[in-house]
């Protein structure tokens, strides 16, 4: 949960705890401190596959050049 809160695209989270012990564990996540290596490994493990048109643009070498002006 602490890693998730550190992501720029995440503005909030829903905690789905049913029991007080689960809530306490979830709230304790804010005290977890990750090393740079751990953060990099978590980022890599959670990386999403590129979506269209991003993967196509990457394959083609970027946006096409605009036509020359006359």
C-alpha atoms as a PDB file:
ATOM      1  CA  UNK A   1       0.000   0.000   0.000  1.00  0.00           C
ATOM      2  CA  UNK A   2       2.843   2.372   0.769  1.00  0.00           C
ATOM      3  CA  UNK A   3       4.333   1.822  -2.695  1.00  0.00           C
ATOM      4  CA  UNK A   4       0.940   2.407  -4.281  1.00  0.00           C
ATOM      5  CA  UNK A   5       0.480   5.703  -2.433  1.00  0.00           C
ATOM      6  CA  UNK A   6       3.846   6.831  -3.816  1.00  0.00           C
ATOM      7  CA  UNK A   7       2.659   6.492  -7.431  1.00  0.00           C
ATOM      8  CA  UNK A   8       1.913   9.854  -9.114  1.00  0.00           C
ATOM      9  CA  UNK A   9      -1.210   8.522 -10.863  1.00  0.00           C
ATOM     10  CA  UNK A  10      -2.803   7.332  -7.604  1.00  0.00           C
ATOM     11  CA  UNK A  11      -4.894   9.941  -5.826  1.00  0.00           C
ATOM     12  CA  UNK A  12      -6.650   7.657  -3.340  1.00  0.00           C
ATOM     13  CA  UNK A  13      -7.091   4.045  -2.254  1.00  0.00           C
ATOM     14  CA  UNK A  14      -9.954   2.025  -0.868  1.00  0.00           C
ATOM     15  CA  UNK A  15      -9.034  -0.141   2.094  1.00  0.00           C
ATOM     16  CA  UNK A  16     -11.108  -3.308   2.130  1.00  0.00           C
ATOM     17  CA  UNK A  17     -10.474  -4.447   5.703  1.00  0.00           C
ATOM     18  CA  UNK A  18     -13.250  -6.358   7.459  1.00  0.00           C
ATOM     19  CA  UNK A  19     -11.510  -6.998  10.753  1.00  0.00           C
ATOM     20  CA  UNK A  20      -9.723  -4.583  13.109  1.00  0.00           C
ATOM     21  CA  UNK A  21      -6.467  -6.557  12.719  1.00  0.00           C
ATOM     22  CA  UNK A  22      -6.652  -6.175   8.944  1.00  0.00           C
ATOM     23  CA  UNK A  23      -7.207  -2.433   9.279  1.00  0.00           C
ATOM     24  CA  UNK A  24      -4.253  -2.143  11.671  1.00  0.00           C
ATOM     25  CA  UNK A  25      -2.024  -4.015   9.187  1.00  0.00           C
ATOM     26  CA  UNK A  26      -3.155  -1.774   6.343  1.00  0.00           C
ATOM     27  CA  UNK A  27      -2.584   1.408   8.326  1.00  0.00           C
ATOM     28  CA  UNK A  28       0.857   0.137   9.334  1.00  0.00           C
ATOM     29  CA  UNK A  29       1.849   0.105   5.665  1.00  0.00           C
ATOM     30  CA  UNK A  30       2.526   3.846   5.757  1.00  0.00           C
ATOM     31  CA  UNK A  31       5.522   3.140   8.022  1.00  0.00           C
ATOM     32  CA  UNK A  32       7.170   0.785   5.513  1.00  0.00           C
ATOM     33  CA  UNK A  33      10.344   2.219   3.972  1.00  0.00           C
ATOM     34  CA  UNK A  34      11.621   0.762   0.691  1.00  0.00           C
ATOM     35  CA  UNK A  35      15.167   0.833  -0.629  1.00  0.00           C
ATOM     36  CA  UNK A  36      15.788   2.194  -4.123  1.00  0.00           C
ATOM     37  CA  UNK A  37      16.341  -1.377  -5.343  1.00  0.00           C
ATOM     38  CA  UNK A  38      13.042  -2.561  -3.854  1.00  0.00           C
ATOM     39  CA  UNK A  39      11.184   0.346  -5.458  1.00  0.00           C
ATOM     40  CA  UNK A  40      12.776  -0.420  -8.837  1.00  0.00           C
ATOM     41  CA  UNK A  41      11.795  -4.091  -8.539  1.00  0.00           C
ATOM     42  CA  UNK A  42       8.219  -3.191  -7.615  1.00  0.00           C
ATOM     43  CA  UNK A  43       8.020  -0.727 -10.510  1.00  0.00           C
ATOM     44  CA  UNK A  44       9.275  -3.362 -12.948  1.00  0.00           C
ATOM     45  CA  UNK A  45       6.921  -6.052 -11.638  1.00  0.00           C
ATOM     46  CA  UNK A  46       3.891  -3.788 -11.951  1.00  0.00           C
ATOM     47  CA  UNK A  47       4.746  -2.201 -15.307  1.00  0.00           C
ATOM     48  CA  UNK A  48       1.812  -2.291 -17.714  1.00  0.00           C
ATOM     49  CA  UNK A  49       2.165  -3.354 -21.313  1.00  0.00           C
ATOM     50  CA  UNK A  50       2.268  -0.411 -23.718  1.00  0.00           C
ATOM     51  CA  UNK A  51      -1.089   0.458 -25.254  1.00  0.00           C
ATOM     52  CA  UNK A  52      -1.899   1.469 -28.789  1.00  0.00           C
ATOM     53  CA  UNK A  53      -0.892   3.880 -30.286  1.00  0.00           C
ATOM     54  CA  UNK A  54       2.159   4.129 -28.007  1.00  0.00           C
ATOM     55  CA  UNK A  55       3.646   0.775 -28.959  1.00  0.00           C
ATOM     56  CA  UNK A  56       3.061   1.472 -32.658  1.00  0.00           C
ATOM     57  CA  UNK A  57       4.748   4.882 -32.478  1.00  0.00           C
ATOM     58  CA  UNK A  58       7.702   3.335 -30.682  1.00  0.00           C
ATOM     59  CA  UNK A  59       7.965   0.634 -33.359  1.00  0.00           C
ATOM     60  CA  UNK A  60       7.834   3.241 -36.138  1.00  0.00           C
ATOM     61  CA  UNK A  61      10.388   5.503 -34.497  1.00  0.00           C
ATOM     62  CA  UNK A  62       8.014   8.219 -33.302  1.00  0.00           C
ATOM     63  CA  UNK A  63       5.552  10.517 -34.956  1.00  0.00           C
ATOM     64  CA  UNK A  64       5.974  10.951 -38.706  1.00  0.00           C
ATOM     65  CA  UNK A  65       7.522  14.192 -39.891  1.00  0.00           C
ATOM     66  CA  UNK A  66       5.005  16.741 -41.147  1.00  0.00           C
ATOM     67  CA  UNK A  67       4.914  17.301 -44.907  1.00  0.00           C
ATOM     68  CA  UNK A  68       7.116  20.148 -46.162  1.00  0.00           C
ATOM     69  CA  UNK A  69       5.454  23.543 -46.618  1.00  0.00           C
ATOM     70  CA  UNK A  70       5.277  24.981 -50.081  1.00  0.00           C
END
